[in-house]
Amino acid sequence: MTIGIDILTGEKINFSHDRHYKGKSIVSFPDDYCVIDIETTGLSPDWDSIIEIAAEKFHKGNLVDTFSSFVKPDDFEDAEPFLDDFIVDLTGITDEMLSTADSTASVLSRFYSFIGDSILIGHNVNFDIDFLYDNCERVIHEHLSNDFIDTMKLSRRIHKDFSHHKLSDLVQYYNLDYQNAHRALADVEITSKCYVCLINEILENFKSIDAFNDAFERSRHGVKANDISTSKTEFDTSNLLYGKVCVFTGTLEKMVRKEAMQIVADLGGKNADNVTKKTNYLILGNNDYCKSIKDGKSSKQKKAEKLKLDGYDIEIIPENVFYDIISEN
């Protein structure tokens, strides 16, 4: 069980989704993989439902099989409106389409068999993985432990001049045709093409995946708290990070640490490299929950836990809560 804080009230809350068996976010160029995408009724795996799942399976870089299915959520009722207008307008999916679809259990069972132990690829794929992990665990009693590659993460590493890294940004940059956006199979197909373009660009610039990773690691570990400053002079003093000392540990999944530290500074917070008695927030990269880490906790997390037990004003928050906090500002 992970202890965090409610971003609205500041009160401590428990996070039940530790996802102990979740795979790792990796940077690799496998020959065999599955590209995946889902459509949902909202952003929360706790409260929202999967309504469409799609995947393409590749062997030695060639497309060999396709999976696509609507999903009829367990709480769907024919007599009652289910999808709100926003989701219908965004995806083009209607209640009528879901009414004849297979159940969540049936679709997930087939999808789980389809992907097997493949490495999964998607754009902002951690969102899809969390939905699928929780539903697989709850509905079909299986652990989704596949490692995964995020094309958004790759884009952030090589396109640092982009203001954001939406799938549509990559489509425009690589001059690809993108129709039927926000439908699962269409998004899978375009993500597959973007992944190949990203690989080719990386190999052209770095020659190998090892050289690419080495360059990133040198950049990531080279950043120090003293390297981060802000040009902002006015801050919202009510935001939770204002005046607070923040330390990061582990690998962030959605942005590089330098970017996260810059956001802290721009919100009026203070960055630090190590956990001390002055630390207010320790932000855990999601990979710090990975079972491969010795004892399941980094040295910074262990020190922070001891300080908290000793009565110091320090909170340990997972990466996703950090994103919730900064999104409010």
Protein backbone atom coordinates (compact mmCIF):
# COMPACT_ATOMS: atom_id res chain seq x y z
CA MET A 1 0.00 0.00 0.00
CA THR A 2 1.39 3.42 -0.98
CA ILE A 3 0.75 6.48 1.18
CA GLY A 4 0.26 9.80 -0.58
CA ILE A 5 -1.72 13.01 -0.23
CA ASP A 6 -5.02 14.23 -1.59
CA ILE A 7 -4.13 17.10 -3.93
CA LEU A 8 -7.23 19.06 -2.96
CA THR A 9 -7.37 18.59 0.81
CA GLY A 10 -3.75 17.82 1.62
CA GLU A 11 -4.89 14.81 3.66
CA LYS A 12 -3.09 11.47 3.54
CA ILE A 13 -4.70 8.79 1.39
CA ASN A 14 -3.93 5.19 0.51
CA PHE A 15 -3.34 4.09 -3.06
CA SER A 16 -4.58 0.54 -3.55
CA HIS A 17 -3.10 0.08 -7.03
CA ASP A 18 0.55 -0.76 -6.39
CA ARG A 19 0.52 -2.91 -9.56
CA HIS A 20 3.34 -5.09 -8.24
CA TYR A 21 3.43 -7.28 -11.36
CA LYS A 22 3.34 -4.45 -13.87
CA GLY A 23 6.03 -4.66 -16.55
CA LYS A 24 8.85 -2.17 -17.00
CA SER A 25 8.90 0.89 -19.19
CA ILE A 26 11.86 0.18 -21.48
CA VAL A 27 13.68 1.73 -24.43
CA SER A 28 14.39 -0.98 -26.97
CA PHE A 29 13.94 -1.85 -30.65
CA PRO A 30 12.53 -5.41 -30.60
CA ASP A 31 11.79 -7.35 -33.77
CA ASP A 32 8.66 -8.89 -32.21
CA TYR A 33 6.09 -6.69 -30.46
CA CYS A 34 2.43 -5.67 -30.20
CA VAL A 35 1.21 -2.11 -30.70
CA ILE A 36 -1.87 -1.42 -28.55
CA ASP A 37 -4.48 1.24 -27.92
CA ILE A 38 -7.72 1.48 -25.97
CA GLU A 39 -10.65 3.87 -25.86
CA THR A 40 -12.28 4.58 -22.50
CA THR A 41 -15.12 6.56 -20.96
CA GLY A 42 -12.68 8.71 -18.96
CA LEU A 43 -9.26 8.95 -17.38
CA SER A 44 -9.58 6.88 -14.19
CA PRO A 45 -9.17 3.08 -14.13
CA ASP A 46 -11.13 3.15 -10.86
CA TRP A 47 -14.23 4.85 -12.20
CA ASP A 48 -14.18 4.61 -15.99
CA SER A 49 -14.60 1.74 -18.46
CA ILE A 50 -12.76 0.39 -21.48
CA ILE A 51 -15.03 0.57 -24.54
CA GLU A 52 -12.63 -0.50 -27.32
CA ILE A 53 -9.34 -2.42 -27.56
CA ALA A 54 -7.11 -2.84 -30.60
CA ALA A 55 -3.67 -4.29 -31.25
CA GLU A 56 -1.34 -5.17 -34.09
CA LYS A 57 1.20 -7.98 -33.74
CA PHE A 58 4.57 -7.72 -35.49
CA HIS A 59 7.13 -10.46 -36.14
CA LYS A 60 10.57 -9.37 -37.33
CA GLY A 61 9.06 -5.96 -38.05
CA ASN A 62 6.25 -7.33 -40.23
CA LEU A 63 2.55 -7.17 -39.39
CA VAL A 64 1.27 -10.71 -38.80
CA ASP A 65 -2.05 -10.34 -36.94
CA THR A 66 -4.65 -7.79 -35.84
CA PHE A 67 -7.01 -7.57 -32.87
CA SER A 68 -9.93 -5.15 -32.65
CA SER A 69 -13.09 -5.23 -30.55
CA PHE A 70 -15.65 -3.00 -28.92
CA VAL A 71 -16.23 -3.75 -25.23
CA LYS A 72 -19.60 -3.79 -23.50
CA PRO A 73 -18.91 -2.58 -19.93
CA ASP A 74 -20.45 -4.55 -17.08
CA ASP A 75 -22.65 -1.62 -16.02
CA PHE A 76 -23.98 -0.99 -19.53
CA GLU A 77 -27.80 -1.02 -19.70
CA ASP A 78 -29.69 -0.94 -22.98
CA ALA A 79 -32.49 1.17 -21.51
CA GLU A 80 -30.19 3.87 -20.12
CA PRO A 81 -27.81 6.30 -21.92
CA PHE A 82 -24.23 5.20 -21.21
CA LEU A 83 -21.71 7.29 -23.15
CA ASP A 84 -21.71 11.05 -22.66
CA ASP A 85 -21.71 13.41 -25.64
CA PHE A 86 -18.03 14.27 -25.23
CA ILE A 87 -16.90 10.65 -25.62
CA VAL A 88 -19.25 10.09 -28.57
CA ASP A 89 -17.95 13.23 -30.30
CA LEU A 90 -14.32 12.38 -29.53
CA THR A 91 -14.32 8.72 -30.57
CA GLY A 92 -17.36 8.28 -32.79
CA ILE A 93 -18.35 5.31 -30.62
CA THR A 94 -22.05 5.14 -29.69
CA ASP A 95 -24.21 3.20 -27.27
CA GLU A 96 -25.55 1.20 -30.20
CA MET A 97 -22.05 -0.01 -31.06
CA LEU A 98 -21.48 -1.18 -27.49
CA SER A 99 -24.87 -2.84 -27.12
CA THR A 100 -23.89 -5.77 -29.36
CA ALA A 101 -20.26 -6.01 -28.20
CA ASP A 102 -18.80 -8.83 -26.09
CA SER A 103 -18.39 -8.44 -22.35
CA THR A 104 -15.26 -7.01 -20.74
CA ALA A 105 -14.26 -10.48 -19.53
CA SER A 106 -14.64 -12.03 -22.98
CA VAL A 107 -12.70 -9.31 -24.82
CA LEU A 108 -9.94 -9.13 -22.21
CA SER A 109 -9.47 -12.91 -22.27
CA ARG A 110 -9.02 -12.88 -26.04
CA PHE A 111 -6.76 -9.82 -25.90
CA TYR A 112 -4.63 -11.36 -23.14
CA SER A 113 -4.13 -14.48 -25.26
CA PHE A 114 -3.42 -12.37 -28.35
CA ILE A 115 -0.55 -10.37 -26.84
CA GLY A 116 1.02 -13.30 -24.94
CA ASP A 117 4.37 -12.18 -23.55
CA SER A 118 5.00 -9.61 -26.31
CA ILE A 119 6.58 -6.26 -25.59
CA LEU A 120 3.76 -3.70 -25.85
CA ILE A 121 4.12 -0.40 -27.69
CA GLY A 122 1.80 2.59 -27.54
CA HIS A 123 1.64 6.37 -27.39
CA ASN A 124 1.39 7.57 -23.79
CA VAL A 125 1.04 3.85 -23.23
CA ASN A 126 1.23 3.97 -19.44
CA PHE A 127 -2.38 5.18 -19.50
CA ASP A 128 -3.46 2.11 -21.50
CA ILE A 129 -1.33 -0.25 -19.42
CA ASP A 130 -2.84 0.93 -16.12
CA PHE A 131 -6.41 0.50 -17.43
CA LEU A 132 -5.64 -2.93 -18.86
CA TYR A 133 -3.68 -4.05 -15.79
CA ASP A 134 -6.47 -3.16 -13.36
CA ASN A 135 -9.19 -4.69 -15.53
CA CYS A 136 -7.22 -7.87 -16.20
CA GLU A 137 -6.61 -8.27 -12.48
CA ARG A 138 -10.20 -7.54 -11.52
CA VAL A 139 -12.12 -9.23 -14.33
CA ILE A 140 -10.07 -12.18 -15.60
CA HIS A 141 -7.74 -12.57 -12.59
CA GLU A 142 -4.55 -12.28 -14.64
CA HIS A 143 -1.50 -10.04 -14.20
CA LEU A 144 -0.51 -7.90 -17.17
CA SER A 145 3.26 -8.04 -16.70
CA ASN A 146 4.43 -7.28 -20.25
CA ASP A 147 7.25 -4.73 -20.60
CA PHE A 148 6.27 -1.73 -22.69
CA ILE A 149 7.71 1.00 -24.91
CA ASP A 150 6.20 4.50 -25.03
CA THR A 151 6.50 6.38 -28.33
CA MET A 152 5.75 9.60 -26.43
CA LYS A 153 8.77 8.92 -24.24
CA LEU A 154 10.95 8.33 -27.31
CA SER A 155 9.68 11.57 -28.83
CA ARG A 156 10.47 13.51 -25.65
CA ARG A 157 14.05 12.26 -25.82
CA ILE A 158 14.80 13.16 -29.42
CA HIS A 159 12.40 16.07 -30.10
CA LYS A 160 13.22 18.35 -27.21
CA ASP A 161 12.17 21.38 -29.22
CA PHE A 162 8.55 20.17 -29.47
CA SER A 163 6.16 22.15 -27.27
CA HIS A 164 4.21 18.92 -26.68
CA HIS A 165 4.33 15.34 -27.93
CA LYS A 166 0.83 14.33 -28.93
CA LEU A 167 0.38 11.61 -31.51
CA SER A 168 -0.89 14.26 -33.92
CA ASP A 169 2.40 16.15 -33.48
CA LEU A 170 4.39 13.13 -34.63
CA VAL A 171 1.97 12.55 -37.49
CA GLN A 172 2.51 16.10 -38.70
CA TYR A 173 6.29 15.95 -38.19
CA TYR A 174 6.64 12.70 -40.15
CA ASN A 175 4.04 13.78 -42.73
CA LEU A 176 1.80 10.77 -42.17
CA ASP A 177 -1.87 10.35 -43.06
CA TYR A 178 -4.00 10.22 -39.91
CA GLN A 179 -7.72 9.55 -40.25
CA ASN A 180 -10.24 8.29 -37.68
CA ALA A 181 -8.27 9.68 -34.74
CA HIS A 182 -9.37 8.43 -31.31
CA ARG A 183 -10.51 5.08 -32.63
CA ALA A 184 -8.40 2.27 -31.22
CA LEU A 185 -7.35 0.47 -34.42
CA ALA A 186 -6.66 3.71 -36.30
CA ASP A 187 -4.49 4.91 -33.41
CA VAL A 188 -2.68 1.56 -33.36
CA GLU A 189 -1.95 1.78 -37.07
CA ILE A 190 -0.58 5.31 -36.91
CA THR A 191 1.40 4.57 -33.73
CA SER A 192 3.01 1.63 -35.55
CA LYS A 193 4.13 3.98 -38.32
CA CYS A 194 5.37 6.61 -35.87
CA TYR A 195 7.36 3.97 -34.00
CA VAL A 196 9.17 2.95 -37.20
CA CYS A 197 9.87 6.63 -37.99
CA LEU A 198 11.24 7.19 -34.48
CA ILE A 199 13.49 4.14 -34.74
CA ASN A 200 14.85 5.26 -38.11
CA GLU A 201 15.51 8.77 -36.81
CA ILE A 202 17.25 7.48 -33.69
CA LEU A 203 19.44 5.09 -35.68
CA GLU A 204 20.30 7.83 -38.15
CA ASN A 205 21.39 10.17 -35.36
CA PHE A 206 22.85 7.73 -32.81
CA LYS A 207 23.72 4.64 -34.93
CA SER A 208 22.58 2.19 -32.23
CA ILE A 209 20.12 1.81 -29.36
CA ASP A 210 23.03 1.53 -26.91
CA ALA A 211 24.48 4.85 -28.06
CA PHE A 212 21.04 6.44 -27.80
CA ASN A 213 20.54 5.17 -24.25
CA ASP A 214 24.07 6.16 -23.20
CA ALA A 215 23.50 9.72 -24.44
CA PHE A 216 20.21 9.94 -22.55
CA GLU A 217 21.68 8.54 -19.32
CA ARG A 218 24.51 11.06 -19.41
CA SER A 219 21.97 13.84 -19.87
CA ARG A 220 19.57 12.53 -17.22
CA HIS A 221 22.11 11.96 -14.48
CA GLY A 222 24.02 15.14 -15.27
CA VAL A 223 21.25 17.45 -14.05
CA LYS A 224 21.67 18.87 -10.55
CA ALA A 225 19.35 20.99 -8.46
CA ASN A 226 21.67 23.99 -8.77
CA ASP A 227 21.39 23.77 -12.56
CA ILE A 228 17.66 24.59 -12.40
CA SER A 229 16.40 28.15 -12.14
CA THR A 230 13.30 30.05 -13.22
CA SER A 231 12.66 33.39 -14.86
CA LYS A 232 9.24 33.64 -13.23
CA THR A 233 8.79 36.28 -10.54
CA GLU A 234 5.13 35.79 -9.58
CA PHE A 235 3.76 32.54 -8.19
CA ASP A 236 0.47 31.11 -6.98
CA THR A 237 1.33 30.78 -3.32
CA SER A 238 -1.62 28.43 -2.75
CA ASN A 239 -0.23 25.63 -4.93
CA LEU A 240 1.10 22.64 -3.04
CA LEU A 241 4.68 22.95 -4.33
CA TYR A 242 5.21 26.65 -3.58
CA GLY A 243 8.13 27.08 -1.20
CA LYS A 244 8.48 23.31 -0.79
CA VAL A 245 11.71 21.36 -1.16
CA CYS A 246 11.28 18.56 -3.71
CA VAL A 247 13.52 15.57 -4.43
CA PHE A 248 13.07 13.02 -7.22
CA THR A 249 14.06 9.37 -7.18
CA GLY A 250 13.73 6.72 -9.86
CA THR A 251 13.01 7.11 -13.57
CA LEU A 252 10.00 9.19 -14.49
CA GLU A 253 7.84 7.66 -17.19
CA LYS A 254 6.27 10.75 -18.75
CA MET A 255 9.12 13.26 -18.73
CA VAL A 256 12.83 13.52 -18.06
CA ARG A 257 13.84 14.59 -14.58
CA LYS A 258 15.22 17.94 -15.77
CA GLU A 259 11.82 18.84 -17.17
CA ALA A 260 10.06 17.86 -13.94
CA MET A 261 12.53 19.86 -11.86
CA GLN A 262 11.97 22.90 -14.08
CA ILE A 263 8.22 22.67 -13.46
CA VAL A 264 8.87 22.61 -9.70
CA ALA A 265 11.00 25.75 -10.00
CA ASP A 266 8.41 27.50 -12.20
CA LEU A 267 5.76 26.83 -9.54
CA GLY A 268 7.92 28.42 -6.85
CA GLY A 269 9.23 25.17 -5.39
CA LYS A 270 12.81 24.32 -4.50
CA ASN A 271 14.73 21.39 -5.98
CA ALA A 272 17.25 19.35 -4.03
CA ASP A 273 19.43 16.39 -4.95
CA ASN A 274 19.22 14.48 -1.69
CA VAL A 275 16.66 13.78 1.04
CA THR A 276 17.33 15.81 4.19
CA LYS A 277 15.36 17.09 7.16
CA LYS A 278 14.35 20.06 4.98
CA THR A 279 12.76 17.89 2.25
CA ASN A 280 8.99 18.32 1.93
CA TYR A 281 8.22 16.02 -1.02
CA LEU A 282 9.96 12.92 -2.31
CA ILE A 283 8.55 12.11 -5.76
CA LEU A 284 8.87 8.45 -6.70
CA GLY A 285 9.37 7.61 -10.36
CA ASN A 286 6.94 4.82 -11.22
CA ASN A 287 9.87 2.52 -11.91
CA ASP A 288 10.70 2.75 -8.20
CA TYR A 289 7.74 0.42 -7.65
CA CYS A 290 9.41 -2.19 -9.85
CA LYS A 291 10.07 -5.47 -8.09
CA SER A 292 13.60 -5.55 -9.56
CA ILE A 293 14.75 -2.81 -7.14
CA LYS A 294 16.38 -4.27 -4.05
CA ASP A 295 13.86 -4.41 -1.19
CA GLY A 296 11.40 -2.62 -3.50
CA LYS A 297 12.58 0.83 -2.28
CA SER A 298 15.35 3.25 -3.21
CA SER A 299 17.74 4.59 -0.59
CA LYS A 300 16.07 8.01 -0.84
CA GLN A 301 12.68 6.46 -0.12
CA LYS A 302 14.00 4.59 2.91
CA LYS A 303 15.54 7.77 4.31
CA ALA A 304 12.33 9.73 3.69
CA GLU A 305 10.27 7.09 5.48
CA LYS A 306 12.59 7.25 8.50
CA LEU A 307 12.37 11.05 8.61
CA LYS A 308 8.58 10.91 8.42
CA LEU A 309 8.46 8.43 11.30
CA ASP A 310 10.68 10.83 13.24
CA GLY A 311 8.06 13.56 12.79
CA TYR A 312 9.53 15.65 9.99
CA ASP A 313 7.27 17.41 7.45
CA ILE A 314 7.93 15.14 4.48
CA GLU A 315 5.49 13.42 2.12
CA ILE A 316 6.29 10.54 -0.22
CA ILE A 317 4.19 10.76 -3.38
CA PRO A 318 4.09 8.59 -6.50
CA GLU A 319 4.78 10.05 -9.91
CA ASN A 320 1.12 10.10 -10.93
CA VAL A 321 0.20 12.27 -7.94
CA PHE A 322 2.99 14.70 -8.90
CA TYR A 323 1.37 15.03 -12.35
CA ASP A 324 -2.00 15.65 -10.69
CA ILE A 325 -0.48 18.42 -8.59
CA ILE A 326 1.20 20.21 -11.49
CA SER A 327 -1.86 19.82 -13.73
CA GLU A 328 -3.83 21.85 -11.22
CA ASN A 329 -1.41 24.72 -11.89
